[in-house]
Amino acid sequence: MSEYVFTSMEIDAIGEISNICLGNSATTLGMLLRLPVDITPPQVSIVEKSEYTKNVSNQKVFIKVSYVQGIQGCSILMLEENDAKIIADLMVGSDGNGDFAKMELGEMHLSAVSEAMNQMMGAAATSMSLMLEHRTDISTPETKYMKDGEYLAYEFPNDDKFVKVEFRMKIGDLIDSPVVQLYPHDLGKAISDLFLIKKAKEKQ
């Protein structure tokens, strides 16, 4: 259980990194889906896991990306169910205009979303490597459909705080929704430290 308190400089550093990384990953996703993908500048905050575990009513699609080189840990992307269905539909070559409210979210959808996020987060990892001057590689994403509080309690039993990066993602005229990315507290600290060390070296 970490008692560390992030400084405003560290939060700004994570925001700067996220803005560049997510911008490049949005470009990659747009090429994959053959539609324009735009994101808003991310808002960064520190949240308690209890904020999610006390509210387990919302089913979401969780994409867990593990960092296997350069930095250790994993990040989580949280997508709304309907948005995941639209992305999956586009991935298999449809037009993303189906009646998704009546559609079951199955393994085929999750596999298609996982592949889209693999490409998207791979681009983000490449951008992070350049920004940190520290090679960063990721594993193949793990995708699950669960209630948000249950997922975090299951996947992160020993983490009580997260760095929350929130932005809106617009995909053509089909999606205009908030997306949340979570870093466990220690990983967020490691990323901000590397970035600030690089910035300090540049000023010398």
Protein backbone atom coordinates (compact mmCIF):
# COMPACT_ATOMS: atom_id res chain seq x y z
CA MET A 1 0.00 0.00 0.00
CA SER A 2 1.69 3.17 -1.20
CA GLU A 3 1.49 6.39 0.79
CA TYR A 4 3.38 8.39 -1.82
CA VAL A 5 1.70 11.63 -2.91
CA PHE A 6 2.25 12.73 -6.51
CA THR A 7 3.46 16.27 -7.07
CA SER A 8 1.80 18.51 -9.64
CA MET A 9 4.98 18.25 -11.73
CA GLU A 10 4.73 14.46 -11.80
CA ILE A 11 1.04 14.56 -12.74
CA ASP A 12 1.82 17.06 -15.52
CA ALA A 13 4.60 14.76 -16.74
CA ILE A 14 2.19 11.83 -17.01
CA GLY A 15 -0.28 14.09 -18.81
CA GLU A 16 2.35 15.16 -21.33
CA ILE A 17 3.45 11.59 -21.99
CA SER A 18 -0.13 10.38 -22.28
CA ASN A 19 -1.08 13.15 -24.69
CA ILE A 20 1.67 12.20 -27.16
CA CYS A 21 1.32 8.44 -26.74
CA LEU A 22 -2.46 8.43 -27.06
CA GLY A 23 -2.33 10.79 -30.03
CA ASN A 24 -0.04 8.40 -31.90
CA SER A 25 -2.09 5.38 -30.88
CA ALA A 26 -5.26 7.12 -32.14
CA THR A 27 -3.60 7.60 -35.53
CA THR A 28 -2.76 3.88 -35.62
CA LEU A 29 -6.31 2.90 -34.63
CA GLY A 30 -7.72 5.20 -37.31
CA MET A 31 -5.63 3.48 -39.98
CA LEU A 32 -6.75 0.09 -38.70
CA LEU A 33 -10.46 0.98 -38.65
CA ARG A 34 -10.30 3.17 -41.78
CA LEU A 35 -12.03 6.01 -39.94
CA PRO A 36 -10.81 9.25 -38.34
CA VAL A 37 -10.01 8.79 -34.65
CA ASP A 38 -9.68 11.86 -32.45
CA ILE A 39 -8.96 12.13 -28.74
CA THR A 40 -9.13 15.04 -26.34
CA PRO A 41 -6.15 16.08 -24.19
CA PRO A 42 -6.10 13.66 -21.24
CA GLN A 43 -6.98 14.65 -17.69
CA VAL A 44 -4.77 13.01 -15.05
CA SER A 45 -5.77 12.36 -11.45
CA ILE A 46 -5.01 9.97 -8.59
CA VAL A 47 -7.89 7.72 -7.57
CA GLU A 48 -8.48 5.18 -4.81
CA LYS A 49 -9.39 1.65 -5.81
CA SER A 50 -12.32 1.93 -3.42
CA GLU A 51 -13.89 4.46 -5.80
CA TYR A 52 -14.35 1.58 -8.23
CA THR A 53 -14.87 -1.35 -5.89
CA LYS A 54 -17.80 0.34 -4.14
CA ASN A 55 -19.59 0.58 -7.48
CA VAL A 56 -19.74 -2.77 -9.24
CA SER A 57 -22.85 -2.13 -11.33
CA ASN A 58 -21.13 -1.19 -14.59
CA GLN A 59 -19.94 -3.89 -16.97
CA LYS A 60 -17.00 -2.74 -19.04
CA VAL A 61 -14.39 -4.19 -21.37
CA PHE A 62 -10.97 -4.15 -19.73
CA ILE A 63 -7.79 -4.36 -21.78
CA LYS A 64 -4.74 -5.19 -19.68
CA VAL A 65 -1.38 -4.36 -21.28
CA SER A 66 1.74 -5.59 -19.50
CA TYR A 67 5.08 -3.85 -19.96
CA VAL A 68 7.71 -6.54 -20.37
CA GLN A 69 10.82 -4.46 -21.02
CA GLY A 70 12.03 -1.05 -19.89
CA ILE A 71 9.42 -0.59 -17.19
CA GLN A 72 7.58 -3.16 -15.11
CA GLY A 73 3.86 -3.31 -14.54
CA CYS A 74 0.70 -2.99 -16.58
CA SER A 75 -1.87 -0.45 -17.66
CA ILE A 76 -5.59 -0.92 -18.04
CA LEU A 77 -7.88 0.56 -20.68
CA MET A 78 -11.58 0.63 -19.82
CA LEU A 79 -14.05 0.70 -22.73
CA GLU A 80 -17.81 0.98 -22.64
CA GLU A 81 -19.54 -2.20 -23.82
CA ASN A 82 -21.21 -0.61 -26.84
CA ASP A 83 -17.98 1.05 -27.95
CA ALA A 84 -16.18 -2.29 -27.81
CA LYS A 85 -18.88 -3.85 -29.97
CA ILE A 86 -18.56 -1.10 -32.58
CA ILE A 87 -14.75 -1.42 -32.69
CA ALA A 88 -15.07 -5.21 -33.04
CA ASP A 89 -17.61 -4.77 -35.85
CA LEU A 90 -15.26 -2.42 -37.70
CA MET A 91 -12.35 -4.82 -37.21
CA VAL A 92 -14.19 -7.58 -39.07
CA GLY A 93 -14.94 -5.28 -41.98
CA SER A 94 -18.50 -4.20 -41.21
CA ASP A 95 -19.72 -0.60 -41.05
CA GLY A 96 -20.13 -0.31 -37.29
CA ASN A 97 -23.82 0.58 -37.60
CA GLY A 98 -25.39 -2.60 -36.29
CA ASP A 99 -28.01 -2.88 -33.53
CA PHE A 100 -25.43 -3.34 -30.80
CA ALA A 101 -27.89 -3.00 -27.91
CA LYS A 102 -29.24 -6.45 -28.80
CA MET A 103 -25.87 -8.02 -29.49
CA GLU A 104 -24.16 -10.35 -27.03
CA LEU A 105 -20.55 -9.44 -26.32
CA GLY A 106 -18.81 -12.72 -27.13
CA GLU A 107 -15.30 -14.09 -27.46
CA MET A 108 -15.10 -13.07 -31.11
CA HIS A 109 -15.77 -9.44 -30.16
CA LEU A 110 -13.22 -9.52 -27.36
CA SER A 111 -10.62 -11.05 -29.65
CA ALA A 112 -11.20 -8.35 -32.28
CA VAL A 113 -11.02 -5.59 -29.67
CA SER A 114 -7.85 -7.12 -28.24
CA GLU A 115 -6.20 -7.04 -31.68
CA ALA A 116 -7.21 -3.39 -32.20
CA MET A 117 -5.86 -2.44 -28.77
CA ASN A 118 -2.68 -4.43 -29.42
CA GLN A 119 -1.96 -2.22 -32.43
CA MET A 120 -3.04 0.92 -30.61
CA MET A 121 -1.05 0.32 -27.44
CA GLY A 122 1.94 -0.93 -29.41
CA ALA A 123 2.10 2.50 -31.05
CA ALA A 124 1.76 4.11 -27.61
CA ALA A 125 4.64 1.98 -26.27
CA THR A 126 6.86 3.02 -29.19
CA SER A 127 6.08 6.66 -28.48
CA MET A 128 6.81 6.17 -24.80
CA SER A 129 10.16 4.59 -25.63
CA LEU A 130 11.14 7.68 -27.62
CA MET A 131 9.89 10.11 -24.99
CA LEU A 132 11.62 8.35 -22.11
CA GLU A 133 14.69 7.33 -24.12
CA HIS A 134 14.06 3.97 -22.51
CA ARG A 135 13.00 0.96 -24.57
CA THR A 136 9.45 -0.06 -23.70
CA ASP A 137 7.87 -3.28 -24.96
CA ILE A 138 4.41 -4.67 -24.25
CA SER A 139 2.84 -8.11 -24.19
CA THR A 140 -0.27 -9.15 -26.11
CA PRO A 141 -3.25 -7.52 -24.34
CA GLU A 142 -5.58 -9.55 -22.14
CA THR A 143 -9.21 -8.59 -22.62
CA LYS A 144 -12.02 -9.28 -20.16
CA TYR A 145 -15.64 -8.23 -19.78
CA MET A 146 -16.45 -7.66 -16.10
CA LYS A 147 -17.90 -5.25 -13.61
CA ASP A 148 -15.35 -2.54 -12.94
CA GLY A 149 -15.01 -2.96 -9.19
CA GLU A 150 -14.79 -6.73 -9.42
CA TYR A 151 -12.10 -6.54 -12.10
CA LEU A 152 -9.80 -4.23 -10.17
CA ALA A 153 -10.24 -6.19 -6.95
CA TYR A 154 -9.41 -9.41 -8.82
CA GLU A 155 -6.48 -8.17 -10.92
CA PHE A 156 -4.91 -5.78 -8.39
CA PRO A 157 -5.44 -7.17 -4.89
CA ASN A 158 -2.38 -5.33 -3.52
CA ASP A 159 -2.83 -1.95 -5.25
CA ASP A 160 -4.92 0.69 -3.53
CA LYS A 161 -4.20 3.75 -5.70
CA PHE A 162 -4.16 4.31 -9.44
CA VAL A 163 -3.14 7.05 -11.81
CA LYS A 164 -6.26 7.75 -13.85
CA VAL A 165 -5.86 9.12 -17.38
CA GLU A 166 -9.25 10.08 -18.80
CA PHE A 167 -10.00 11.34 -22.30
CA ARG A 168 -12.77 11.31 -24.88
CA MET A 169 -12.36 9.23 -28.00
CA LYS A 170 -14.27 9.95 -31.18
CA ILE A 171 -14.31 7.42 -34.01
CA GLY A 172 -15.99 8.82 -37.10
CA ASP A 173 -19.67 9.39 -36.33
CA LEU A 174 -19.97 6.10 -34.44
CA ILE A 175 -18.27 6.69 -31.10
CA ASP A 176 -17.89 9.76 -28.93
CA SER A 177 -17.28 8.45 -25.42
CA PRO A 178 -15.03 8.80 -22.38
CA VAL A 179 -12.19 6.29 -22.12
CA VAL A 180 -10.22 5.64 -18.94
CA GLN A 181 -6.68 4.33 -18.69
CA LEU A 182 -5.38 3.27 -15.29
CA TYR A 183 -1.80 2.83 -14.14
CA PRO A 184 -1.11 1.23 -10.78
CA HIS A 185 0.42 3.87 -8.51
CA ASP A 186 4.00 2.50 -8.65
CA LEU A 187 4.04 2.27 -12.46
CA GLY A 188 2.78 5.83 -12.79
CA LYS A 189 5.57 6.96 -10.48
CA ALA A 190 8.21 5.07 -12.51
CA ILE A 191 7.01 6.64 -15.78
CA SER A 192 6.97 10.17 -14.38
CA ASP A 193 10.42 9.69 -12.81
CA LEU A 194 11.98 8.59 -16.11
CA PHE A 195 10.42 11.49 -17.98
CA LEU A 196 11.50 14.10 -15.42
CA ILE A 197 15.04 12.68 -15.33
CA LYS A 198 15.20 13.00 -19.11
CA LYS A 199 13.91 16.60 -18.92
CA ALA A 200 16.50 17.46 -16.28
CA LYS A 201 19.30 16.08 -18.46
CA GLU A 202 18.09 18.16 -21.40
CA LYS A 203 18.39 21.35 -19.32
CA GLN A 204 21.97 20.62 -18.31
